[in-house]
Amino acid sequence: MSNDPQTPASDSVADAVRGNWVDTLAPAWSRPYLRLSRADRPIGTWLLLLPCWWGALLAAASGTGFDGKTVWICVGCAIGAFLMRGAGCTWNDITDRDFDAQVARTRSRPIPSGQVTVKGALIWMVIQSLLAFGILLTFNLNAIVLGIASLAIVCIYPFAKRFTWWPQVFLGLAFNWGALLAWTAEAGTLGWSAVILYLAGITWTLFYDTIYAHQDTEDDALIGVKSTARLFGEDTARWLSWFLVATVTLAGAAVMLALVAEASVLALTLGLGGAWALGWHLLWQLRQLKPENPEVCLRLFRSNRDAGLIFALFLAAAVAA
């Protein structure tokens, strides 16, 4: 993705970052598959990874402490997020290939543009999934079970836009599952703090993906694809303000429940400060929003990497406190 979408040259993808490493450094034979995985647009990997880091760091701050296991969970989740985001995007493009061919922003993707066959895409999806499963097997049994359970949501998500105006909820369920998994990998069992953190991630996803969906509202209306952007229309800013409040409230509640009994006052203050700082970033996005301007929507969507990192950094500081 880029702040300024441009018409791609030859086989590159329309909304990829200009001069990205896939187009400039990757071997020619691998480029269509890396594009299928969105390796040329890393924001999705960040948005899948950050809830994992939230979960692992909040669990560490709640009493398990930061050690080699925590480091591996954070690193393993980073590798797994890259692989599973790639597998999920591949599955999404397989199921959406007919829709993508009708939308200006997506018709240059590998399948509708003819760079990759459906059979080739399926094989590539399986390879990525198996590699990610190998990472998952290094975690404890409860985390492994949670990881396997997430596949049901991943499979359903691409079809959500066909039957509900709220496909962003399904995206939130899938993209924030890592908060549950990483907490469990760190703490050993699932806790209520992780569940509340998961809900915070879902409302955050509703916030940023509604902004993202405003890029395609005209094309989506023509082909009958549903989204919260189309549902909210001119009321988008009001809805986003509610998602903002819900995200901060839920994130703060997760921190309170996890840290109030065991952690120091400084750790609790830092954790709550992270939730508050996340909220301020979302407020900045809301004030900058121009739903009718695709370039602004894309820029604000991509800024959510920084929003999520802010919260993660505060949680890391809480672990050290």
Protein backbone atom coordinates (compact mmCIF):
# COMPACT_ATOMS: atom_id res chain seq x y z
CA MET A 1 0.00 0.00 0.00
CA SER A 2 1.05 3.59 -0.37
CA ASN A 3 -0.21 6.97 0.61
CA ASP A 4 -0.61 7.77 -3.06
CA PRO A 5 -2.10 4.89 -5.01
CA GLN A 6 -0.80 4.78 -8.55
CA THR A 7 -1.39 2.84 -11.72
CA PRO A 8 0.99 -0.08 -11.57
CA ALA A 9 3.57 -0.87 -14.15
CA SER A 10 3.31 -4.28 -15.79
CA ASP A 11 2.58 -6.94 -13.15
CA SER A 12 2.82 -4.96 -9.89
CA VAL A 13 -0.22 -4.39 -7.69
CA ALA A 14 -2.10 -1.08 -7.77
CA ASP A 15 -2.04 -0.27 -4.05
CA ALA A 16 1.45 -1.59 -3.27
CA VAL A 17 4.15 0.67 -1.86
CA ARG A 18 6.17 2.16 -4.68
CA GLY A 19 9.64 0.57 -4.81
CA ASN A 20 8.72 -2.15 -2.28
CA TRP A 21 11.15 -5.02 -1.75
CA VAL A 22 8.98 -7.55 -3.59
CA ASP A 23 9.03 -5.53 -6.82
CA THR A 24 12.71 -4.59 -6.54
CA LEU A 25 14.56 -7.40 -4.75
CA ALA A 26 12.56 -10.65 -4.84
CA PRO A 27 13.30 -13.17 -7.62
CA ALA A 28 10.90 -12.75 -10.53
CA TRP A 29 9.37 -16.22 -10.11
CA SER A 30 8.43 -15.50 -6.47
CA ARG A 31 6.85 -12.08 -6.93
CA PRO A 32 3.29 -13.17 -7.83
CA TYR A 33 3.15 -15.42 -4.75
CA LEU A 34 4.61 -12.79 -2.43
CA ARG A 35 2.09 -10.29 -3.80
CA LEU A 36 -0.65 -12.84 -3.17
CA SER A 37 0.52 -12.90 0.47
CA ARG A 38 0.58 -9.06 0.57
CA ALA A 39 4.30 -9.12 1.38
CA ASP A 40 4.51 -5.87 -0.57
CA ARG A 41 1.97 -4.32 1.84
CA PRO A 42 3.13 -5.11 5.41
CA ILE A 43 0.43 -3.20 7.31
CA GLY A 44 -1.80 -6.27 7.53
CA THR A 45 0.97 -8.29 9.17
CA TRP A 46 1.41 -5.55 11.75
CA LEU A 47 -2.32 -5.44 12.48
CA LEU A 48 -2.36 -9.22 12.97
CA LEU A 49 0.81 -9.20 15.08
CA LEU A 50 0.14 -6.33 17.46
CA PRO A 51 -2.73 -7.98 19.40
CA CYS A 52 -0.37 -10.95 19.90
CA TRP A 53 2.20 -8.66 21.47
CA TRP A 54 -0.49 -7.02 23.58
CA GLY A 55 -1.56 -10.39 24.94
CA ALA A 56 1.94 -11.69 25.63
CA LEU A 57 3.14 -8.46 27.26
CA LEU A 58 0.03 -7.98 29.39
CA ALA A 59 0.35 -11.57 30.64
CA ALA A 60 4.03 -10.98 31.40
CA ALA A 61 3.21 -7.76 33.26
CA SER A 62 0.51 -9.52 35.27
CA GLY A 63 3.03 -11.74 36.99
CA THR A 64 4.79 -14.21 34.71
CA GLY A 65 7.65 -11.77 34.08
CA PHE A 66 9.73 -11.21 30.95
CA ASP A 67 12.09 -14.07 30.08
CA GLY A 68 13.28 -16.17 27.17
CA LYS A 69 9.85 -17.71 26.73
CA THR A 70 8.29 -14.26 26.32
CA VAL A 71 10.93 -13.33 23.75
CA TRP A 72 10.21 -16.45 21.73
CA ILE A 73 6.45 -15.91 21.92
CA CYS A 74 6.90 -12.39 20.53
CA VAL A 75 9.30 -13.57 17.81
CA GLY A 76 7.25 -16.67 17.00
CA CYS A 77 4.09 -14.59 16.73
CA ALA A 78 5.88 -12.22 14.35
CA ILE A 79 6.85 -15.08 12.05
CA GLY A 80 3.44 -16.68 12.43
CA ALA A 81 1.64 -13.41 11.71
CA PHE A 82 3.57 -13.00 8.47
CA LEU A 83 2.76 -16.55 7.41
CA MET A 84 -0.88 -16.63 8.50
CA ARG A 85 -1.59 -13.19 7.12
CA GLY A 86 -0.17 -14.48 3.84
CA ALA A 87 -2.26 -17.66 3.98
CA GLY A 88 -5.37 -15.69 4.91
CA CYS A 89 -4.88 -13.18 2.10
CA THR A 90 -4.33 -16.03 -0.34
CA TRP A 91 -7.58 -17.65 0.76
CA ASN A 92 -9.34 -14.28 0.57
CA ASP A 93 -8.11 -13.74 -3.00
CA ILE A 94 -9.18 -17.22 -4.05
CA THR A 95 -12.72 -16.67 -2.79
CA ASP A 96 -12.93 -13.05 -3.98
CA ARG A 97 -11.33 -13.46 -7.41
CA ASP A 98 -14.52 -12.59 -9.29
CA PHE A 99 -15.22 -9.54 -7.11
CA ASP A 100 -11.60 -8.38 -7.32
CA ALA A 101 -11.74 -8.41 -11.09
CA GLN A 102 -14.55 -5.81 -10.95
CA VAL A 103 -12.88 -3.35 -8.54
CA ALA A 104 -10.29 -0.87 -9.84
CA ARG A 105 -8.05 -1.14 -6.76
CA THR A 106 -7.95 -4.96 -6.75
CA ARG A 107 -8.12 -6.12 -10.36
CA SER A 108 -4.30 -6.07 -10.59
CA ARG A 109 -3.97 -8.68 -7.82
CA PRO A 110 -2.23 -11.92 -8.88
CA ILE A 111 -5.30 -14.13 -9.45
CA PRO A 112 -7.64 -11.77 -11.37
CA SER A 113 -4.69 -10.46 -13.38
CA GLY A 114 -3.64 -13.99 -14.34
CA GLN A 115 -0.26 -14.02 -12.57
CA VAL A 116 -1.25 -17.02 -10.41
CA THR A 117 -3.73 -19.83 -11.04
CA VAL A 118 -6.26 -20.88 -8.42
CA LYS A 119 -4.49 -24.23 -8.07
CA GLY A 120 -1.15 -22.50 -7.56
CA ALA A 121 -2.71 -20.21 -4.97
CA LEU A 122 -4.16 -23.16 -3.06
CA ILE A 123 -0.78 -24.88 -2.93
CA TRP A 124 0.86 -21.66 -1.75
CA MET A 125 -1.79 -21.24 0.96
CA VAL A 126 -1.14 -24.77 2.26
CA ILE A 127 2.63 -24.22 2.35
CA GLN A 128 2.26 -21.03 4.40
CA SER A 129 -0.26 -22.65 6.76
CA LEU A 130 1.98 -25.65 7.43
CA LEU A 131 4.96 -23.42 8.20
CA ALA A 132 2.82 -21.39 10.60
CA PHE A 133 1.60 -24.60 12.23
CA GLY A 134 5.21 -25.52 12.88
CA ILE A 135 5.63 -22.29 14.83
CA LEU A 136 2.41 -22.94 16.74
CA LEU A 137 3.67 -26.35 17.87
CA THR A 138 6.41 -24.66 19.90
CA PHE A 139 3.77 -23.17 22.24
CA ASN A 140 1.88 -24.96 25.03
CA LEU A 141 -1.08 -27.25 24.34
CA ASN A 142 -3.77 -24.71 25.26
CA ALA A 143 -2.28 -22.18 22.87
CA ILE A 144 -2.06 -24.82 20.13
CA VAL A 145 -5.75 -25.63 20.54
CA LEU A 146 -6.63 -21.94 20.34
CA GLY A 147 -4.53 -21.55 17.21
CA ILE A 148 -6.30 -24.42 15.48
CA ALA A 149 -9.70 -23.08 16.53
CA SER A 150 -8.98 -19.77 14.80
CA LEU A 151 -9.05 -21.47 11.39
CA ALA A 152 -12.85 -21.58 11.44
CA ILE A 153 -13.07 -17.78 11.59
CA VAL A 154 -10.34 -17.36 8.97
CA CYS A 155 -12.28 -19.60 6.57
CA ILE A 156 -15.57 -17.76 7.10
CA TYR A 157 -14.31 -14.16 6.91
CA PRO A 158 -14.03 -13.81 3.09
CA PHE A 159 -17.70 -14.76 2.74
CA ALA A 160 -18.97 -12.34 5.42
CA LYS A 161 -19.30 -9.42 3.02
CA ARG A 162 -21.84 -11.47 1.09
CA PHE A 163 -24.31 -11.99 3.94
CA THR A 164 -23.79 -9.20 6.51
CA TRP A 165 -23.25 -5.46 6.62
CA TRP A 166 -20.73 -6.12 9.40
CA PRO A 167 -17.90 -8.12 7.77
CA GLN A 168 -15.48 -6.00 9.81
CA VAL A 169 -16.66 -7.88 12.91
CA PHE A 170 -15.50 -11.15 11.36
CA LEU A 171 -12.19 -9.53 10.43
CA GLY A 172 -11.84 -8.37 14.04
CA LEU A 173 -12.59 -11.86 15.36
CA ALA A 174 -9.83 -13.28 13.13
CA PHE A 175 -7.20 -10.54 13.36
CA ASN A 176 -7.28 -10.23 17.15
CA TRP A 177 -7.29 -13.92 18.01
CA GLY A 178 -3.60 -13.57 18.73
CA ALA A 179 -4.41 -11.67 21.93
CA LEU A 180 -6.01 -14.86 23.29
CA LEU A 181 -3.34 -17.15 21.87
CA ALA A 182 -0.28 -15.19 23.00
CA TRP A 183 -1.70 -14.58 26.49
CA THR A 184 -2.29 -18.33 26.80
CA ALA A 185 1.17 -19.14 25.44
CA GLU A 186 2.68 -16.87 28.09
CA ALA A 187 0.37 -17.55 31.06
CA GLY A 188 -0.47 -21.20 30.35
CA THR A 189 -4.24 -20.74 30.50
CA LEU A 190 -6.74 -18.30 29.04
CA GLY A 191 -7.80 -15.46 31.37
CA TRP A 192 -10.60 -12.92 31.43
CA SER A 193 -8.13 -10.10 30.90
CA ALA A 194 -7.21 -11.66 27.56
CA VAL A 195 -10.87 -11.96 26.57
CA ILE A 196 -11.49 -8.28 27.32
CA LEU A 197 -8.29 -7.35 25.45
CA TYR A 198 -9.60 -9.41 22.51
CA LEU A 199 -12.84 -7.40 22.55
CA ALA A 200 -10.79 -4.18 22.57
CA GLY A 201 -8.98 -5.41 19.48
CA ILE A 202 -12.27 -6.14 17.74
CA THR A 203 -13.58 -2.62 18.29
CA TRP A 204 -10.21 -1.26 17.14
CA THR A 205 -10.57 -3.32 13.96
CA LEU A 206 -14.06 -1.94 13.42
CA PHE A 207 -12.51 1.51 13.66
CA TYR A 208 -9.63 1.08 11.22
CA ASP A 209 -11.26 -1.28 8.73
CA THR A 210 -14.30 0.94 8.33
CA ILE A 211 -11.88 3.68 7.32
CA TYR A 212 -10.18 1.26 4.92
CA ALA A 213 -13.50 0.14 3.40
CA HIS A 214 -14.38 3.73 2.45
CA GLN A 215 -11.88 3.42 -0.41
CA ASP A 216 -14.18 1.00 -2.26
CA THR A 217 -17.71 2.12 -1.41
CA GLU A 218 -18.67 3.00 -4.99
CA ASP A 219 -17.38 -0.25 -6.47
CA ASP A 220 -18.81 -2.25 -3.57
CA ALA A 221 -22.25 -0.73 -4.17
CA LEU A 222 -22.12 -1.66 -7.85
CA ILE A 223 -21.22 -5.30 -7.23
CA GLY A 224 -23.28 -5.77 -4.07
CA VAL A 225 -20.50 -6.15 -1.49
CA LYS A 226 -21.51 -5.13 2.04
CA SER A 227 -19.38 -3.23 4.56
CA THR A 228 -19.70 -1.00 7.61
CA ALA A 229 -18.48 1.89 5.44
CA ARG A 230 -21.53 1.53 3.19
CA LEU A 231 -23.80 0.89 6.18
CA PHE A 232 -22.69 3.97 8.14
CA GLY A 233 -22.35 6.35 5.18
CA GLU A 234 -22.44 9.94 6.36
CA ASP A 235 -22.69 8.77 9.99
CA THR A 236 -19.25 7.12 9.84
CA ALA A 237 -17.57 9.67 12.13
CA ARG A 238 -20.19 9.14 14.84
CA TRP A 239 -19.83 5.36 14.69
CA LEU A 240 -16.05 5.61 14.75
CA SER A 241 -16.23 7.76 17.87
CA TRP A 242 -18.15 4.98 19.62
CA PHE A 243 -15.62 2.39 18.49
CA LEU A 244 -12.86 4.66 19.83
CA VAL A 245 -14.50 4.92 23.24
CA ALA A 246 -15.15 1.17 23.35
CA THR A 247 -11.55 0.37 22.43
CA VAL A 248 -10.06 2.58 25.14
CA THR A 249 -12.57 1.42 27.76
CA LEU A 250 -12.04 -2.26 27.03
CA ALA A 251 -8.25 -1.96 26.79
CA GLY A 252 -8.21 -0.08 30.10
CA ALA A 253 -10.45 -2.69 31.72
CA ALA A 254 -8.16 -5.49 30.51
CA VAL A 255 -5.16 -3.73 32.02
CA MET A 256 -6.96 -3.11 35.30
CA LEU A 257 -8.11 -6.71 35.64
CA ALA A 258 -4.65 -8.06 34.81
CA LEU A 259 -2.51 -5.72 36.87
CA VAL A 260 -4.46 -4.25 39.77
CA ALA A 261 -3.87 -7.21 42.12
CA GLU A 262 -0.28 -8.25 41.38
CA ALA A 263 1.59 -5.48 39.57
CA SER A 264 3.10 -2.29 40.95
CA VAL A 265 1.36 1.06 40.81
CA LEU A 266 3.86 2.16 38.18
CA ALA A 267 3.10 -0.86 35.99
CA LEU A 268 -0.64 -0.24 36.28
CA THR A 269 -0.18 3.44 35.46
CA LEU A 270 1.90 2.59 32.39
CA GLY A 271 -0.64 0.03 31.19
CA LEU A 272 -3.53 2.45 31.54
CA GLY A 273 -1.42 5.17 29.94
CA GLY A 274 -0.97 2.89 26.93
CA ALA A 275 -4.71 2.48 26.52
CA TRP A 276 -5.13 6.24 26.82
CA ALA A 277 -2.36 6.92 24.28
CA LEU A 278 -3.95 4.48 21.85
CA GLY A 279 -7.19 6.42 22.21
CA TRP A 280 -5.49 9.72 21.47
CA HIS A 281 -4.05 8.30 18.27
CA LEU A 282 -7.49 7.10 17.20
CA LEU A 283 -8.89 10.54 17.99
CA TRP A 284 -6.23 12.10 15.77
CA GLN A 285 -7.29 9.76 12.97
CA LEU A 286 -10.92 10.67 13.45
CA ARG A 287 -10.15 14.38 13.20
CA GLN A 288 -8.16 13.82 9.98
CA LEU A 289 -10.75 11.58 8.35
CA LYS A 290 -12.22 12.44 4.95
CA PRO A 291 -14.32 9.41 3.98
CA GLU A 292 -14.72 10.63 0.42
CA ASN A 293 -10.93 10.79 -0.10
CA PRO A 294 -9.39 7.31 -0.71
CA GLU A 295 -5.82 8.58 -0.25
CA VAL A 296 -6.62 9.98 3.20
CA CYS A 297 -8.44 6.77 4.15
CA LEU A 298 -5.47 4.64 3.14
CA ARG A 299 -3.01 6.87 4.99
CA LEU A 300 -5.07 6.77 8.18
CA PHE A 301 -5.62 3.03 7.92
CA ARG A 302 -1.87 2.43 7.65
CA SER A 303 -1.22 4.70 10.65
CA ASN A 304 -2.83 2.08 12.87
CA ARG A 305 0.49 0.27 12.98
CA ASP A 306 1.74 3.18 15.07
CA ALA A 307 -1.44 3.24 17.15
CA GLY A 308 -1.06 -0.43 18.08
CA LEU A 309 2.68 -0.11 18.66
CA ILE A 310 2.11 2.72 21.13
CA PHE A 311 -0.01 0.45 23.33
CA ALA A 312 2.50 -2.41 22.97
CA LEU A 313 5.40 -0.18 24.02
CA PHE A 314 3.54 1.00 27.11
CA LEU A 315 2.78 -2.63 28.02
CA ALA A 316 6.47 -3.49 27.54
CA ALA A 317 7.36 -0.68 29.91
CA ALA A 318 4.81 -2.03 32.40
CA VAL A 319 6.56 -5.42 32.28
CA ALA A 320 9.87 -3.71 33.12
CA ALA A 321 8.38 -1.54 35.89
